[in-house]
Amino acid sequence: MLVWTMEQLQIPVNYSVGSTLSFGPSGTFDKNNQFFVYECDEFDRNFLHFSPEISLITSVDYDHPDTYPTKESYLDAFREFGEKSKKVIAWQENSAIFDEKNLTILHDSNKNITLPGEHNRKNATLVIEALKNIRSGRGGVRNISSNKLLPRIRTTF
């Protein structure tokens, strides 16, 4: 959703995601692009190999017991990932995992988003919050909360 939105805003973006998208391949790279979006997950502790500028945390639900034998070891990995991120944007129900110094806590999905399903509206709210934090070389990202793009934000499928 973030990649699609950035492309709609004409913000050049490199990306790597877990599946082919309805609007493009599963990844692109152009050395001239300023931004890279990586859809990583916690399996095999893969996400701990990165130090993101901004991390969007959609949810933290204990998973992958083959990698994380306890819920606490799972949460510790997310804590470590949060420490490696310059900025973490997470929902209130997951906020206690992360250090407050680099955390933006979201409480409710944006009521102006007309996507079906609360899950999609929450993801779109994360995207909007991320865009508020991105500064492009062209003077920053415009405020999309009032943009006509907002109701058209869509999922990747």
C-alpha atoms as a PDB file:
ATOM      1  CA  MET A   1       0.000   0.000   0.000  1.00  0.00           C
ATOM      2  CA  LEU A   2       2.869   2.382   0.779  1.00  0.00           C
ATOM      3  CA  VAL A   3       4.551   1.659  -2.560  1.00  0.00           C
ATOM      4  CA  TRP A   4       1.319   2.237  -4.507  1.00  0.00           C
ATOM      5  CA  THR A   5       0.656   5.484  -2.653  1.00  0.00           C
ATOM      6  CA  MET A   6       4.192   6.777  -3.198  1.00  0.00           C
ATOM      7  CA  GLU A   7       3.912   5.983  -6.900  1.00  0.00           C
ATOM      8  CA  GLN A   8       0.569   7.817  -7.080  1.00  0.00           C
ATOM      9  CA  LEU A   9       2.262  10.825  -5.458  1.00  0.00           C
ATOM     10  CA  GLN A  10       5.057  10.505  -8.051  1.00  0.00           C
ATOM     11  CA  ILE A  11       7.677   9.827  -5.390  1.00  0.00           C
ATOM     12  CA  PRO A  12      10.281   7.550  -7.006  1.00  0.00           C
ATOM     13  CA  VAL A  13      10.595   4.436  -4.842  1.00  0.00           C
ATOM     14  CA  ASN A  14      12.540   1.192  -4.909  1.00  0.00           C
ATOM     15  CA  TYR A  15      10.843  -1.730  -3.238  1.00  0.00           C
ATOM     16  CA  SER A  16      10.893  -5.403  -2.448  1.00  0.00           C
ATOM     17  CA  VAL A  17       7.714  -7.087  -1.255  1.00  0.00           C
ATOM     18  CA  GLY A  18       6.566 -10.662  -0.774  1.00  0.00           C
ATOM     19  CA  SER A  19       4.380 -11.017  -3.857  1.00  0.00           C
ATOM     20  CA  THR A  20       3.689  -9.674  -7.322  1.00  0.00           C
ATOM     21  CA  LEU A  21       1.582  -6.537  -7.097  1.00  0.00           C
ATOM     22  CA  SER A  22      -1.489  -5.683  -9.141  1.00  0.00           C
ATOM     23  CA  PHE A  23       0.398  -2.631 -10.439  1.00  0.00           C
ATOM     24  CA  GLY A  24       3.908  -4.057 -10.788  1.00  0.00           C
ATOM     25  CA  PRO A  25       6.465  -6.737 -10.028  1.00  0.00           C
ATOM     26  CA  SER A  26       7.494  -7.823  -6.533  1.00  0.00           C
ATOM     27  CA  GLY A  27      10.432  -5.442  -6.617  1.00  0.00           C
ATOM     28  CA  THR A  28      12.200  -2.669  -8.490  1.00  0.00           C
ATOM     29  CA  PHE A  29      15.489  -0.852  -8.137  1.00  0.00           C
ATOM     30  CA  ASP A  30      16.757   2.371  -9.646  1.00  0.00           C
ATOM     31  CA  LYS A  31      19.988   3.749  -8.167  1.00  0.00           C
ATOM     32  CA  ASN A  32      18.623   7.289  -8.535  1.00  0.00           C
ATOM     33  CA  ASN A  33      15.607   6.696  -6.267  1.00  0.00           C
ATOM     34  CA  GLN A  34      15.890   8.129  -2.783  1.00  0.00           C
ATOM     35  CA  PHE A  35      13.491   5.720  -1.058  1.00  0.00           C
ATOM     36  CA  PHE A  36      13.406   1.964  -0.520  1.00  0.00           C
ATOM     37  CA  VAL A  37      10.389   0.132   0.900  1.00  0.00           C
ATOM     38  CA  TYR A  38      11.019  -3.386   2.141  1.00  0.00           C
ATOM     39  CA  GLU A  39       8.223  -5.613   3.331  1.00  0.00           C
ATOM     40  CA  CYS A  40      10.127  -7.670   5.842  1.00  0.00           C
ATOM     41  CA  ASP A  41       8.914 -10.077   8.425  1.00  0.00           C
ATOM     42  CA  GLU A  42      10.233 -11.578  11.580  1.00  0.00           C
ATOM     43  CA  PHE A  43      10.628 -15.155  10.313  1.00  0.00           C
ATOM     44  CA  ASP A  44      14.210 -16.383  10.851  1.00  0.00           C
ATOM     45  CA  ARG A  45      14.903 -13.010  12.475  1.00  0.00           C
ATOM     46  CA  ASN A  46      15.274 -11.617   8.939  1.00  0.00           C
ATOM     47  CA  PHE A  47      14.103  -8.143   9.892  1.00  0.00           C
ATOM     48  CA  LEU A  48      17.000  -7.739  12.323  1.00  0.00           C
ATOM     49  CA  HIS A  49      19.424  -7.400   9.386  1.00  0.00           C
ATOM     50  CA  PHE A  50      18.057  -3.925   8.618  1.00  0.00           C
ATOM     51  CA  SER A  51      18.193  -0.474  10.237  1.00  0.00           C
ATOM     52  CA  PRO A  52      15.212   1.359   8.751  1.00  0.00           C
ATOM     53  CA  GLU A  53      14.570   5.064   8.698  1.00  0.00           C
ATOM     54  CA  ILE A  54      10.866   4.406   9.383  1.00  0.00           C
ATOM     55  CA  SER A  55       9.278   1.125  10.480  1.00  0.00           C
ATOM     56  CA  LEU A  56       5.551   0.585  10.137  1.00  0.00           C
ATOM     57  CA  ILE A  57       4.389  -2.088  12.567  1.00  0.00           C
ATOM     58  CA  THR A  58       1.065  -3.482  11.383  1.00  0.00           C
ATOM     59  CA  SER A  59       0.739  -5.937  14.284  1.00  0.00           C
ATOM     60  CA  VAL A  60       2.744  -7.999  16.727  1.00  0.00           C
ATOM     61  CA  ASP A  61       1.161 -11.394  17.261  1.00  0.00           C
ATOM     62  CA  TYR A  62       3.275 -14.290  18.505  1.00  0.00           C
ATOM     63  CA  ASP A  63       4.247 -16.450  15.543  1.00  0.00           C
ATOM     64  CA  HIS A  64       7.078 -18.667  14.274  1.00  0.00           C
ATOM     65  CA  PRO A  65       7.631 -20.812  17.385  1.00  0.00           C
ATOM     66  CA  ASP A  66      10.345 -22.623  15.419  1.00  0.00           C
ATOM     67  CA  THR A  67      12.383 -19.399  15.501  1.00  0.00           C
ATOM     68  CA  TYR A  68      11.053 -17.932  18.751  1.00  0.00           C
ATOM     69  CA  PRO A  69      10.457 -20.649  21.368  1.00  0.00           C
ATOM     70  CA  THR A  70       8.657 -18.225  23.701  1.00  0.00           C
ATOM     71  CA  LYS A  71       6.445 -15.199  23.329  1.00  0.00           C
ATOM     72  CA  GLU A  72       9.036 -13.190  25.242  1.00  0.00           C
ATOM     73  CA  SER A  73      11.791 -14.096  22.742  1.00  0.00           C
ATOM     74  CA  TYR A  74       9.434 -12.995  19.963  1.00  0.00           C
ATOM     75  CA  LEU A  75       8.750  -9.652  21.656  1.00  0.00           C
ATOM     76  CA  ASP A  76      12.478  -9.205  22.353  1.00  0.00           C
ATOM     77  CA  ALA A  77      13.155  -9.470  18.609  1.00  0.00           C
ATOM     78  CA  PHE A  78      10.600  -6.727  17.902  1.00  0.00           C
ATOM     79  CA  ARG A  79      12.160  -4.607  20.656  1.00  0.00           C
ATOM     80  CA  GLU A  80      15.555  -5.039  19.008  1.00  0.00           C
ATOM     81  CA  PHE A  81      14.094  -4.153  15.604  1.00  0.00           C
ATOM     82  CA  GLY A  82      12.554  -1.013  17.111  1.00  0.00           C
ATOM     83  CA  GLU A  83      15.941  -0.015  18.538  1.00  0.00           C
ATOM     84  CA  LYS A  84      17.488  -0.397  15.067  1.00  0.00           C
ATOM     85  CA  SER A  85      14.818   1.854  13.529  1.00  0.00           C
ATOM     86  CA  LYS A  86      15.136   5.626  13.592  1.00  0.00           C
ATOM     87  CA  LYS A  87      11.348   5.924  13.797  1.00  0.00           C
ATOM     88  CA  VAL A  88       8.692   3.351  14.712  1.00  0.00           C
ATOM     89  CA  ILE A  89       5.014   3.853  13.931  1.00  0.00           C
ATOM     90  CA  ALA A  90       2.840   1.353  15.775  1.00  0.00           C
ATOM     91  CA  TRP A  91      -0.646   0.843  17.115  1.00  0.00           C
ATOM     92  CA  GLN A  92      -1.338   1.521  20.775  1.00  0.00           C
ATOM     93  CA  GLU A  93      -1.855  -2.186  21.525  1.00  0.00           C
ATOM     94  CA  ASN A  94       1.768  -2.868  20.496  1.00  0.00           C
ATOM     95  CA  SER A  95       3.371   0.339  21.751  1.00  0.00           C
ATOM     96  CA  ALA A  96       4.700  -1.042  25.065  1.00  0.00           C
ATOM     97  CA  ILE A  97       7.200  -3.159  23.110  1.00  0.00           C
ATOM     98  CA  PHE A  98       9.044  -0.132  21.736  1.00  0.00           C
ATOM     99  CA  ASP A  99      11.124   2.688  23.206  1.00  0.00           C
ATOM    100  CA  GLU A 100       9.124   5.908  23.454  1.00  0.00           C
ATOM    101  CA  LYS A 101      12.030   8.031  22.184  1.00  0.00           C
ATOM    102  CA  ASN A 102      11.484   7.027  18.553  1.00  0.00           C
ATOM    103  CA  LEU A 103       7.844   5.930  18.673  1.00  0.00           C
ATOM    104  CA  THR A 104       4.693   7.372  17.162  1.00  0.00           C
ATOM    105  CA  ILE A 105       1.614   5.710  18.644  1.00  0.00           C
ATOM    106  CA  LEU A 106      -1.565   5.466  16.593  1.00  0.00           C
ATOM    107  CA  HIS A 107      -4.891   4.985  18.360  1.00  0.00           C
ATOM    108  CA  ASP A 108      -7.574   4.810  15.674  1.00  0.00           C
ATOM    109  CA  SER A 109      -7.706   4.363  11.919  1.00  0.00           C
ATOM    110  CA  ASN A 110      -8.301   7.478   9.857  1.00  0.00           C
ATOM    111  CA  LYS A 111     -12.081   7.906   9.602  1.00  0.00           C
ATOM    112  CA  ASN A 112     -11.762   9.523   6.151  1.00  0.00           C
ATOM    113  CA  ILE A 113     -10.456   6.308   4.607  1.00  0.00           C
ATOM    114  CA  THR A 114     -13.210   4.461   2.765  1.00  0.00           C
ATOM    115  CA  LEU A 115     -11.471   1.139   2.202  1.00  0.00           C
ATOM    116  CA  PRO A 116     -13.512  -1.906   3.212  1.00  0.00           C
ATOM    117  CA  GLY A 117     -12.317  -3.614   6.382  1.00  0.00           C
ATOM    118  CA  GLU A 118     -10.712  -2.188   9.502  1.00  0.00           C
ATOM    119  CA  HIS A 119      -7.447  -4.014   8.709  1.00  0.00           C
ATOM    120  CA  ASN A 120      -7.132  -2.120   5.404  1.00  0.00           C
ATOM    121  CA  ARG A 121      -8.084   1.194   7.024  1.00  0.00           C
ATOM    122  CA  LYS A 122      -5.429   0.664   9.716  1.00  0.00           C
ATOM    123  CA  ASN A 123      -2.776  -0.118   7.098  1.00  0.00           C
ATOM    124  CA  ALA A 124      -3.739   3.013   5.149  1.00  0.00           C
ATOM    125  CA  THR A 125      -3.488   5.059   8.358  1.00  0.00           C
ATOM    126  CA  LEU A 126       0.059   3.730   8.845  1.00  0.00           C
ATOM    127  CA  VAL A 127       0.873   4.762   5.267  1.00  0.00           C
ATOM    128  CA  ILE A 128      -0.404   8.293   5.852  1.00  0.00           C
ATOM    129  CA  GLU A 129       1.623   8.595   9.050  1.00  0.00           C
ATOM    130  CA  ALA A 130       4.755   7.341   7.237  1.00  0.00           C
ATOM    131  CA  LEU A 131       4.282   9.894   4.469  1.00  0.00           C
ATOM    132  CA  LYS A 132       4.104  12.672   7.050  1.00  0.00           C
ATOM    133  CA  ASN A 133       7.596  11.614   8.128  1.00  0.00           C
ATOM    134  CA  ILE A 134       9.146  11.287   4.676  1.00  0.00           C
ATOM    135  CA  ARG A 135      10.997  14.250   3.281  1.00  0.00           C
ATOM    136  CA  SER A 136      11.781  14.080  -0.397  1.00  0.00           C
ATOM    137  CA  GLY A 137      14.378  16.173  -2.167  1.00  0.00           C
ATOM    138  CA  ARG A 138      11.544  18.207  -3.671  1.00  0.00           C
ATOM    139  CA  GLY A 139      10.616  19.861  -0.390  1.00  0.00           C
ATOM    140  CA  GLY A 140       8.643  17.176   1.364  1.00  0.00           C
ATOM    141  CA  VAL A 141       5.502  15.168   0.847  1.00  0.00           C
ATOM    142  CA  ARG A 142       2.302  17.138   0.608  1.00  0.00           C
ATOM    143  CA  ASN A 143      -0.391  16.591   3.202  1.00  0.00           C
ATOM    144  CA  ILE A 144      -2.412  13.723   1.777  1.00  0.00           C
ATOM    145  CA  SER A 145      -5.118  13.762   4.431  1.00  0.00           C
ATOM    146  CA  SER A 146      -6.936  16.372   2.378  1.00  0.00           C
ATOM    147  CA  ASN A 147      -5.708  15.030  -0.963  1.00  0.00           C
ATOM    148  CA  LYS A 148      -8.156  13.390  -3.402  1.00  0.00           C
ATOM    149  CA  LEU A 149      -5.837  10.390  -3.288  1.00  0.00           C
ATOM    150  CA  LEU A 150      -6.958   9.411   0.216  1.00  0.00           C
ATOM    151  CA  PRO A 151     -10.234   7.690  -0.730  1.00  0.00           C
ATOM    152  CA  ARG A 152      -8.471   5.839  -3.570  1.00  0.00           C
ATOM    153  CA  ILE A 153      -5.766   4.219  -1.436  1.00  0.00           C
ATOM    154  CA  ARG A 154      -6.020   0.514  -2.102  1.00  0.00           C
ATOM    155  CA  THR A 155      -4.576  -2.771  -1.063  1.00  0.00           C
ATOM    156  CA  THR A 156      -1.956  -4.537  -3.170  1.00  0.00           C
ATOM    157  CA  PHE A 157      -4.309  -7.259  -4.434  1.00  0.00           C
END
